[in-house]
Amino acid sequence: MLMAHPAVLKDLIAQYEALTLLGAEESTPQARQRLADVSYTLCVATGTRDIDMALIAARHRLSGARPEDDSLLQTSASASASAEQVATV
């Protein structure tokens, strides 16, 4: 699956939140259509079918969303340790 760039996701989230905050659901047809377009784009960009899940997935992909997750550090540390073992043999 293609992954949207974090800057694109951040912009889409900001647009969605602004439109929602301004009450686009009960506004003009153009505002409702823009909200629908942004919602659809968020769903496509995150591989989801529901706007709530799309927002969760988009926020999850933004940098710094999970600062306590060190799985990448553990993986690279394991790879470094394996490389050192091979080098000493």
C-alpha atoms as a PDB file:
ATOM      1  CA  MET A   1       0.000   0.000   0.000  1.00  0.00           C
ATOM      2  CA  LEU A   2       1.219   3.493  -0.787  1.00  0.00           C
ATOM      3  CA  MET A   3       1.901   5.640   2.242  1.00  0.00           C
ATOM      4  CA  ALA A   4       1.036   9.328   2.265  1.00  0.00           C
ATOM      5  CA  HIS A   5       3.787  11.710   3.302  1.00  0.00           C
ATOM      6  CA  PRO A   6       3.411  12.929   6.906  1.00  0.00           C
ATOM      7  CA  ALA A   7       3.164  16.543   5.694  1.00  0.00           C
ATOM      8  CA  VAL A   8       0.183  15.600   3.519  1.00  0.00           C
ATOM      9  CA  LEU A   9      -1.490  13.777   6.405  1.00  0.00           C
ATOM     10  CA  LYS A  10      -0.894  16.717   8.732  1.00  0.00           C
ATOM     11  CA  ASP A  11      -2.441  19.101   6.203  1.00  0.00           C
ATOM     12  CA  LEU A  12      -5.459  16.858   5.642  1.00  0.00           C
ATOM     13  CA  ILE A  13      -6.052  16.533   9.391  1.00  0.00           C
ATOM     14  CA  ALA A  14      -5.825  20.318   9.770  1.00  0.00           C
ATOM     15  CA  GLN A  15      -8.302  20.855   6.924  1.00  0.00           C
ATOM     16  CA  TYR A  16     -10.723  18.288   8.339  1.00  0.00           C
ATOM     17  CA  GLU A  17     -10.549  19.792  11.833  1.00  0.00           C
ATOM     18  CA  ALA A  18     -11.024  23.335  10.498  1.00  0.00           C
ATOM     19  CA  LEU A  19     -14.016  22.354   8.386  1.00  0.00           C
ATOM     20  CA  THR A  20     -15.557  20.442  11.271  1.00  0.00           C
ATOM     21  CA  LEU A  21     -14.926  23.297  13.692  1.00  0.00           C
ATOM     22  CA  LEU A  22     -16.574  25.746  11.295  1.00  0.00           C
ATOM     23  CA  GLY A  23     -19.624  23.488  11.050  1.00  0.00           C
ATOM     24  CA  ALA A  24     -19.273  22.489   7.423  1.00  0.00           C
ATOM     25  CA  GLU A  25     -21.799  19.671   7.937  1.00  0.00           C
ATOM     26  CA  GLU A  26     -24.614  22.217   8.331  1.00  0.00           C
ATOM     27  CA  SER A  27     -23.156  24.882   6.049  1.00  0.00           C
ATOM     28  CA  THR A  28     -23.236  25.545   2.321  1.00  0.00           C
ATOM     29  CA  PRO A  29     -23.215  22.747  -0.240  1.00  0.00           C
ATOM     30  CA  GLN A  30     -19.656  23.748  -1.188  1.00  0.00           C
ATOM     31  CA  ALA A  31     -18.448  23.431   2.422  1.00  0.00           C
ATOM     32  CA  ARG A  32     -20.158  20.048   2.802  1.00  0.00           C
ATOM     33  CA  GLN A  33     -18.572  18.878  -0.446  1.00  0.00           C
ATOM     34  CA  ARG A  34     -15.123  20.071   0.673  1.00  0.00           C
ATOM     35  CA  LEU A  35     -15.529  18.191   3.973  1.00  0.00           C
ATOM     36  CA  ALA A  36     -16.603  15.080   2.058  1.00  0.00           C
ATOM     37  CA  ASP A  37     -13.588  15.427  -0.268  1.00  0.00           C
ATOM     38  CA  VAL A  38     -11.119  15.835   2.609  1.00  0.00           C
ATOM     39  CA  SER A  39     -12.703  12.907   4.454  1.00  0.00           C
ATOM     40  CA  TYR A  40     -12.477  10.705   1.374  1.00  0.00           C
ATOM     41  CA  THR A  41      -8.856  11.702   0.761  1.00  0.00           C
ATOM     42  CA  LEU A  42      -7.946  10.904   4.370  1.00  0.00           C
ATOM     43  CA  CYS A  43      -9.570   7.488   4.042  1.00  0.00           C
ATOM     44  CA  VAL A  44      -7.721   6.739   0.799  1.00  0.00           C
ATOM     45  CA  ALA A  45      -4.407   8.016   2.191  1.00  0.00           C
ATOM     46  CA  THR A  46      -4.693   5.789   5.258  1.00  0.00           C
ATOM     47  CA  GLY A  47      -6.305   2.729   3.686  1.00  0.00           C
ATOM     48  CA  THR A  48      -9.435   2.989   5.823  1.00  0.00           C
ATOM     49  CA  ARG A  49     -13.137   3.316   5.066  1.00  0.00           C
ATOM     50  CA  ASP A  50     -14.260   5.359   8.057  1.00  0.00           C
ATOM     51  CA  ILE A  51     -13.234   8.941   8.840  1.00  0.00           C
ATOM     52  CA  ASP A  52     -12.727   8.205  12.531  1.00  0.00           C
ATOM     53  CA  MET A  53     -10.360   5.341  11.732  1.00  0.00           C
ATOM     54  CA  ALA A  54      -8.668   7.483   9.074  1.00  0.00           C
ATOM     55  CA  LEU A  55      -7.965  10.212  11.620  1.00  0.00           C
ATOM     56  CA  ILE A  56      -6.566   7.694  14.089  1.00  0.00           C
ATOM     57  CA  ALA A  57      -4.374   6.102  11.422  1.00  0.00           C
ATOM     58  CA  ALA A  58      -3.151   9.466  10.111  1.00  0.00           C
ATOM     59  CA  ARG A  59      -2.246  10.733  13.562  1.00  0.00           C
ATOM     60  CA  HIS A  60      -0.522   7.451  14.295  1.00  0.00           C
ATOM     61  CA  ARG A  61       1.702   7.872  11.236  1.00  0.00           C
ATOM     62  CA  LEU A  62       2.802  11.393  12.101  1.00  0.00           C
ATOM     63  CA  SER A  63       6.275  11.652  13.550  1.00  0.00           C
ATOM     64  CA  GLY A  64       6.347  11.793  17.308  1.00  0.00           C
ATOM     65  CA  ALA A  65       2.953  10.134  17.598  1.00  0.00           C
ATOM     66  CA  ARG A  66       4.416   7.257  19.617  1.00  0.00           C
ATOM     67  CA  PRO A  67       7.588   8.505  21.292  1.00  0.00           C
ATOM     68  CA  GLU A  68       7.681   5.546  23.687  1.00  0.00           C
ATOM     69  CA  ASP A  69       7.888   3.049  20.809  1.00  0.00           C
ATOM     70  CA  ASP A  70      11.514   2.012  20.527  1.00  0.00           C
ATOM     71  CA  SER A  71      10.982  -1.047  18.313  1.00  0.00           C
ATOM     72  CA  LEU A  72      13.119   0.455  15.540  1.00  0.00           C
ATOM     73  CA  LEU A  73      15.922   1.123  17.990  1.00  0.00           C
ATOM     74  CA  GLN A  74      15.774  -2.454  19.249  1.00  0.00           C
ATOM     75  CA  THR A  75      15.828  -3.792  15.697  1.00  0.00           C
ATOM     76  CA  SER A  76      18.842  -1.698  14.718  1.00  0.00           C
ATOM     77  CA  ALA A  77      20.613  -2.605  17.977  1.00  0.00           C
ATOM     78  CA  SER A  78      20.038  -6.298  17.256  1.00  0.00           C
ATOM     79  CA  ALA A  79      21.370  -5.868  13.728  1.00  0.00           C
ATOM     80  CA  SER A  80      24.455  -4.065  15.033  1.00  0.00           C
ATOM     81  CA  ALA A  81      25.097  -6.805  17.587  1.00  0.00           C
ATOM     82  CA  SER A  82      24.732  -9.477  14.897  1.00  0.00           C
ATOM     83  CA  ALA A  83      27.120  -7.610  12.622  1.00  0.00           C
ATOM     84  CA  GLU A  84      29.681  -7.336  15.404  1.00  0.00           C
ATOM     85  CA  GLN A  85      29.425 -11.073  16.105  1.00  0.00           C
ATOM     86  CA  VAL A  86      29.975 -11.902  12.432  1.00  0.00           C
ATOM     87  CA  ALA A  87      32.944  -9.517  12.260  1.00  0.00           C
ATOM     88  CA  THR A  88      34.658 -11.188  15.213  1.00  0.00           C
ATOM     89  CA  VAL A  89      34.294 -14.693  13.786  1.00  0.00           C
END
